[in-house]
Amino acid sequence: MKRRILLSCAALAVLALPAVALARADGRAGPGYLVVRKASGDGGINGHAVVTVVVHGFVLGSVRQDAEARVDIYQLPSTRGQGTPQAVGSDVRRKSVPPFRSAPGHEFLGSGFRFSAIGGYYRVVVRGSGVYLFAGGHGNVTLHGSSYDPRADGNFSVDGAAFRSLPTRILKRQIGRG
């Protein structure tokens, strides 16, 4: 009896494997995650972007009180729901920025503030220092740390990989490979 049950389970597993593989190939890849800690780049708020993330999902972040950063958030066209980018903090200035490929943008500049873009398709560009960022969904990221002080420019992890120092040269990665 036990042998019959084991053989039945094995047969079902063998029959189910092609169906599972086909469903995964046709389906969308699973969502991924990006974590950036203590990001700092060269040139401050007017320097090169430390992090540029384009994601269909969410982005949450904060800037340390003793640091300064500029965060530009663009709402890209999407068939799904659109959230509204937000920032809170006692030392944050907000303004509209010229559109990126016809997508409206918001600039948040200052120290000691938190920012979020949830429930839509976003392009988030971060310049400055002391930035912590967490993004989830499907998309890609471009990272570029400091070439002057590479040991103190922060670190990152994509899709649960081990944390690595931010690169001194531009590095592009996909978020959510599946």
C-alpha atoms as a PDB file:
ATOM      1  CA  MET A   1       0.000   0.000   0.000  1.00  0.00           C
ATOM      2  CA  LYS A   2       2.791   2.416   0.935  1.00  0.00           C
ATOM      3  CA  ARG A   3       4.609   1.545  -2.258  1.00  0.00           C
ATOM      4  CA  ARG A   4       1.500   2.276  -4.331  1.00  0.00           C
ATOM      5  CA  ILE A   5       1.109   5.709  -2.675  1.00  0.00           C
ATOM      6  CA  LEU A   6       4.774   6.548  -3.280  1.00  0.00           C
ATOM      7  CA  LEU A   7       4.525   5.516  -6.930  1.00  0.00           C
ATOM      8  CA  SER A   8       1.366   7.591  -7.374  1.00  0.00           C
ATOM      9  CA  CYS A   9       3.050  10.659  -5.832  1.00  0.00           C
ATOM     10  CA  ALA A  10       6.112  10.178  -8.028  1.00  0.00           C
ATOM     11  CA  ALA A  11       3.961   9.855 -11.148  1.00  0.00           C
ATOM     12  CA  LEU A  12       2.033  13.011 -10.289  1.00  0.00           C
ATOM     13  CA  ALA A  13       5.258  14.915  -9.687  1.00  0.00           C
ATOM     14  CA  VAL A  14       6.692  13.822 -13.051  1.00  0.00           C
ATOM     15  CA  LEU A  15       3.472  14.830 -14.835  1.00  0.00           C
ATOM     16  CA  ALA A  16       3.322  18.179 -13.039  1.00  0.00           C
ATOM     17  CA  LEU A  17       6.901  19.293 -13.820  1.00  0.00           C
ATOM     18  CA  PRO A  18       6.298  20.289 -17.469  1.00  0.00           C
ATOM     19  CA  ALA A  19       3.150  22.198 -16.487  1.00  0.00           C
ATOM     20  CA  VAL A  20       4.994  24.105 -13.749  1.00  0.00           C
ATOM     21  CA  ALA A  21       7.897  24.904 -16.085  1.00  0.00           C
ATOM     22  CA  LEU A  22       5.531  26.118 -18.801  1.00  0.00           C
ATOM     23  CA  ALA A  23       3.555  28.263 -16.369  1.00  0.00           C
ATOM     24  CA  ARG A  24       6.763  29.870 -15.060  1.00  0.00           C
ATOM     25  CA  ALA A  25       8.041  30.519 -18.591  1.00  0.00           C
ATOM     26  CA  ASP A  26       4.773  32.173 -19.618  1.00  0.00           C
ATOM     27  CA  GLY A  27       4.270  34.036 -16.340  1.00  0.00           C
ATOM     28  CA  ARG A  28       5.975  37.152 -15.161  1.00  0.00           C
ATOM     29  CA  ALA A  29       9.157  36.887 -13.113  1.00  0.00           C
ATOM     30  CA  GLY A  30       8.749  37.213  -9.366  1.00  0.00           C
ATOM     31  CA  PRO A  31       9.223  40.624  -7.765  1.00  0.00           C
ATOM     32  CA  GLY A  32      12.671  41.607  -6.568  1.00  0.00           C
ATOM     33  CA  TYR A  33      14.121  43.970  -4.004  1.00  0.00           C
ATOM     34  CA  LEU A  34      16.843  46.575  -3.768  1.00  0.00           C
ATOM     35  CA  VAL A  35      18.385  47.786  -0.511  1.00  0.00           C
ATOM     36  CA  VAL A  36      20.859  50.686  -0.425  1.00  0.00           C
ATOM     37  CA  ARG A  37      22.509  51.796   2.830  1.00  0.00           C
ATOM     38  CA  LYS A  38      24.450  55.023   3.529  1.00  0.00           C
ATOM     39  CA  ALA A  39      24.707  55.942  -0.173  1.00  0.00           C
ATOM     40  CA  SER A  40      27.071  58.813  -0.973  1.00  0.00           C
ATOM     41  CA  GLY A  41      28.312  60.037  -4.313  1.00  0.00           C
ATOM     42  CA  ASP A  42      30.737  62.620  -5.644  1.00  0.00           C
ATOM     43  CA  GLY A  43      29.626  66.232  -6.051  1.00  0.00           C
ATOM     44  CA  GLY A  44      26.884  66.380  -3.419  1.00  0.00           C
ATOM     45  CA  ILE A  45      23.344  67.256  -4.468  1.00  0.00           C
ATOM     46  CA  ASN A  46      24.552  68.569  -7.840  1.00  0.00           C
ATOM     47  CA  GLY A  47      26.866  65.630  -8.571  1.00  0.00           C
ATOM     48  CA  HIS A  48      26.214  62.400 -10.409  1.00  0.00           C
ATOM     49  CA  ALA A  49      23.299  60.196  -9.420  1.00  0.00           C
ATOM     50  CA  VAL A  50      24.233  57.674  -6.717  1.00  0.00           C
ATOM     51  CA  VAL A  51      21.111  55.582  -7.334  1.00  0.00           C
ATOM     52  CA  THR A  52      18.681  55.633 -10.250  1.00  0.00           C
ATOM     53  CA  VAL A  53      15.897  53.095  -9.915  1.00  0.00           C
ATOM     54  CA  VAL A  54      13.079  52.486 -12.401  1.00  0.00           C
ATOM     55  CA  VAL A  55      10.528  50.179 -10.834  1.00  0.00           C
ATOM     56  CA  HIS A  56       6.924  49.124 -11.136  1.00  0.00           C
ATOM     57  CA  GLY A  57       6.198  48.739  -7.435  1.00  0.00           C
ATOM     58  CA  PHE A  58       7.423  50.931  -4.591  1.00  0.00           C
ATOM     59  CA  VAL A  59      10.372  52.954  -3.348  1.00  0.00           C
ATOM     60  CA  LEU A  60      10.893  53.991   0.279  1.00  0.00           C
ATOM     61  CA  GLY A  61      13.837  55.975   1.550  1.00  0.00           C
ATOM     62  CA  SER A  62      15.331  58.340   4.061  1.00  0.00           C
ATOM     63  CA  VAL A  63      18.119  60.877   4.318  1.00  0.00           C
ATOM     64  CA  ARG A  64      20.156  61.162   7.524  1.00  0.00           C
ATOM     65  CA  GLN A  65      19.838  64.327   9.600  1.00  0.00           C
ATOM     66  CA  ASP A  66      23.559  65.122   9.215  1.00  0.00           C
ATOM     67  CA  ALA A  67      23.558  64.651   5.413  1.00  0.00           C
ATOM     68  CA  GLU A  68      21.980  66.341   2.401  1.00  0.00           C
ATOM     69  CA  ALA A  69      20.377  64.755  -0.645  1.00  0.00           C
ATOM     70  CA  ARG A  70      18.233  65.551  -3.653  1.00  0.00           C
ATOM     71  CA  VAL A  71      15.621  62.996  -4.684  1.00  0.00           C
ATOM     72  CA  ASP A  72      13.789  63.382  -8.002  1.00  0.00           C
ATOM     73  CA  ILE A  73      10.731  61.134  -8.399  1.00  0.00           C
ATOM     74  CA  TYR A  74       8.993  60.793 -11.762  1.00  0.00           C
ATOM     75  CA  GLN A  75       5.636  59.048 -12.214  1.00  0.00           C
ATOM     76  CA  LEU A  76       5.932  57.036 -15.415  1.00  0.00           C
ATOM     77  CA  PRO A  77       2.869  56.079 -17.494  1.00  0.00           C
ATOM     78  CA  SER A  78       1.195  52.936 -16.157  1.00  0.00           C
ATOM     79  CA  THR A  79      -1.944  50.926 -16.771  1.00  0.00           C
ATOM     80  CA  ARG A  80      -2.107  50.091 -13.068  1.00  0.00           C
ATOM     81  CA  GLY A  81      -2.871  52.437 -10.198  1.00  0.00           C
ATOM     82  CA  GLN A  82      -0.782  55.513  -9.587  1.00  0.00           C
ATOM     83  CA  GLY A  83       0.406  56.576  -6.183  1.00  0.00           C
ATOM     84  CA  THR A  84       1.630  60.031  -5.275  1.00  0.00           C
ATOM     85  CA  PRO A  85       5.282  60.635  -4.348  1.00  0.00           C
ATOM     86  CA  GLN A  86       5.607  62.052  -0.849  1.00  0.00           C
ATOM     87  CA  ALA A  87       8.277  63.360   1.510  1.00  0.00           C
ATOM     88  CA  VAL A  88       8.072  64.283   5.185  1.00  0.00           C
ATOM     89  CA  GLY A  89      10.588  65.980   7.442  1.00  0.00           C
ATOM     90  CA  SER A  90      11.330  69.296   9.053  1.00  0.00           C
ATOM     91  CA  ASP A  91      14.087  70.210   6.584  1.00  0.00           C
ATOM     92  CA  VAL A  92      12.778  69.208   3.161  1.00  0.00           C
ATOM     93  CA  ARG A  93      11.958  71.491   0.239  1.00  0.00           C
ATOM     94  CA  ARG A  94       9.591  70.354  -2.514  1.00  0.00           C
ATOM     95  CA  LYS A  95       9.161  71.558  -6.068  1.00  0.00           C
ATOM     96  CA  SER A  96       8.059  70.334  -9.469  1.00  0.00           C
ATOM     97  CA  VAL A  97      10.806  69.499 -11.935  1.00  0.00           C
ATOM     98  CA  PRO A  98      10.729  69.388 -15.720  1.00  0.00           C
ATOM     99  CA  PRO A  99       9.127  66.180 -16.984  1.00  0.00           C
ATOM    100  CA  PHE A 100      11.205  63.122 -17.859  1.00  0.00           C
ATOM    101  CA  ARG A 101       9.883  61.826 -21.199  1.00  0.00           C
ATOM    102  CA  SER A 102       6.558  63.561 -20.506  1.00  0.00           C
ATOM    103  CA  ALA A 103       6.329  62.044 -17.001  1.00  0.00           C
ATOM    104  CA  PRO A 104       5.683  64.592 -14.232  1.00  0.00           C
ATOM    105  CA  GLY A 105       8.401  64.954 -11.627  1.00  0.00           C
ATOM    106  CA  HIS A 106       8.827  66.077  -8.033  1.00  0.00           C
ATOM    107  CA  GLU A 107      12.076  67.157  -6.402  1.00  0.00           C
ATOM    108  CA  PHE A 108      12.701  66.704  -2.679  1.00  0.00           C
ATOM    109  CA  LEU A 109      15.810  68.414  -1.310  1.00  0.00           C
ATOM    110  CA  GLY A 110      17.134  68.625   2.224  1.00  0.00           C
ATOM    111  CA  SER A 111      18.264  66.739   5.328  1.00  0.00           C
ATOM    112  CA  GLY A 112      16.571  64.382   7.752  1.00  0.00           C
ATOM    113  CA  PHE A 113      13.570  63.494   5.609  1.00  0.00           C
ATOM    114  CA  ARG A 114      11.767  60.360   4.432  1.00  0.00           C
ATOM    115  CA  PHE A 115      10.365  59.843   0.947  1.00  0.00           C
ATOM    116  CA  SER A 116       8.059  57.323  -0.689  1.00  0.00           C
ATOM    117  CA  ALA A 117       6.590  56.394  -4.052  1.00  0.00           C
ATOM    118  CA  ILE A 118       4.112  53.548  -3.698  1.00  0.00           C
ATOM    119  CA  GLY A 119       1.711  51.762  -6.037  1.00  0.00           C
ATOM    120  CA  GLY A 120       2.839  52.812  -9.486  1.00  0.00           C
ATOM    121  CA  TYR A 121       5.641  52.975 -12.025  1.00  0.00           C
ATOM    122  CA  TYR A 122       8.456  55.313 -10.981  1.00  0.00           C
ATOM    123  CA  ARG A 123      11.873  56.637 -11.891  1.00  0.00           C
ATOM    124  CA  VAL A 124      13.716  57.753  -8.751  1.00  0.00           C
ATOM    125  CA  VAL A 125      17.050  59.598  -9.036  1.00  0.00           C
ATOM    126  CA  VAL A 126      19.096  60.148  -5.854  1.00  0.00           C
ATOM    127  CA  ARG A 127      22.053  62.538  -5.499  1.00  0.00           C
ATOM    128  CA  GLY A 128      23.964  63.520  -2.370  1.00  0.00           C
ATOM    129  CA  SER A 129      24.820  61.531   0.738  1.00  0.00           C
ATOM    130  CA  GLY A 130      23.397  59.712   3.732  1.00  0.00           C
ATOM    131  CA  VAL A 131      20.637  58.009   1.758  1.00  0.00           C
ATOM    132  CA  TYR A 132      18.917  54.748   2.680  1.00  0.00           C
ATOM    133  CA  LEU A 133      16.615  53.278   0.031  1.00  0.00           C
ATOM    134  CA  PHE A 134      14.409  50.205  -0.271  1.00  0.00           C
ATOM    135  CA  ALA A 135      12.618  49.329  -3.528  1.00  0.00           C
ATOM    136  CA  GLY A 136      10.470  46.361  -4.464  1.00  0.00           C
ATOM    137  CA  GLY A 137       8.829  45.173  -7.650  1.00  0.00           C
ATOM    138  CA  HIS A 138      10.033  44.748 -11.234  1.00  0.00           C
ATOM    139  CA  GLY A 139      12.552  47.061 -12.842  1.00  0.00           C
ATOM    140  CA  ASN A 140      16.202  48.023 -12.912  1.00  0.00           C
ATOM    141  CA  VAL A 141      18.730  50.073 -10.997  1.00  0.00           C
ATOM    142  CA  THR A 142      21.856  52.040 -11.872  1.00  0.00           C
ATOM    143  CA  LEU A 143      24.378  52.489  -9.043  1.00  0.00           C
ATOM    144  CA  HIS A 144      27.430  54.783  -8.899  1.00  0.00           C
ATOM    145  CA  GLY A 145      29.291  55.387  -5.646  1.00  0.00           C
ATOM    146  CA  SER A 146      32.181  57.706  -4.874  1.00  0.00           C
ATOM    147  CA  SER A 147      35.478  57.508  -6.727  1.00  0.00           C
ATOM    148  CA  TYR A 148      37.125  59.764  -4.096  1.00  0.00           C
ATOM    149  CA  ASP A 149      36.136  57.760  -1.016  1.00  0.00           C
ATOM    150  CA  PRO A 150      34.992  54.288  -2.136  1.00  0.00           C
ATOM    151  CA  ARG A 151      35.221  52.808   1.370  1.00  0.00           C
ATOM    152  CA  ALA A 152      32.664  55.246   2.778  1.00  0.00           C
ATOM    153  CA  ASP A 153      30.149  55.492  -0.069  1.00  0.00           C
ATOM    154  CA  GLY A 154      27.649  52.921   1.223  1.00  0.00           C
ATOM    155  CA  ASN A 155      26.573  49.469   0.117  1.00  0.00           C
ATOM    156  CA  PHE A 156      23.765  47.702  -1.712  1.00  0.00           C
ATOM    157  CA  SER A 157      21.999  44.379  -2.196  1.00  0.00           C
ATOM    158  CA  VAL A 158      19.807  43.281  -5.109  1.00  0.00           C
ATOM    159  CA  ASP A 159      17.305  40.437  -4.795  1.00  0.00           C
ATOM    160  CA  GLY A 160      18.689  39.197  -1.482  1.00  0.00           C
ATOM    161  CA  ALA A 161      22.331  38.880  -2.543  1.00  0.00           C
ATOM    162  CA  ALA A 162      25.118  39.720  -0.085  1.00  0.00           C
ATOM    163  CA  PHE A 163      25.752  43.435   0.501  1.00  0.00           C
ATOM    164  CA  ARG A 164      28.520  44.966  -1.616  1.00  0.00           C
ATOM    165  CA  SER A 165      30.172  48.370  -1.630  1.00  0.00           C
ATOM    166  CA  LEU A 166      28.701  50.842  -4.116  1.00  0.00           C
ATOM    167  CA  PRO A 167      30.728  50.675  -7.324  1.00  0.00           C
ATOM    168  CA  THR A 168      33.130  53.433  -8.397  1.00  0.00           C
ATOM    169  CA  ARG A 169      31.943  52.944 -11.995  1.00  0.00           C
ATOM    170  CA  ILE A 170      28.357  52.794 -13.214  1.00  0.00           C
ATOM    171  CA  LEU A 171      26.741  49.416 -12.523  1.00  0.00           C
ATOM    172  CA  LYS A 172      23.328  48.359 -13.847  1.00  0.00           C
ATOM    173  CA  ARG A 173      21.246  45.531 -12.393  1.00  0.00           C
ATOM    174  CA  GLN A 174      17.776  44.090 -12.940  1.00  0.00           C
ATOM    175  CA  ILE A 175      15.374  43.917  -9.985  1.00  0.00           C
ATOM    176  CA  GLY A 176      13.154  40.825  -9.884  1.00  0.00           C
ATOM    177  CA  ARG A 177      14.686  38.177 -12.110  1.00  0.00           C
ATOM    178  CA  GLY A 178      12.312  35.382 -11.133  1.00  0.00           C
END
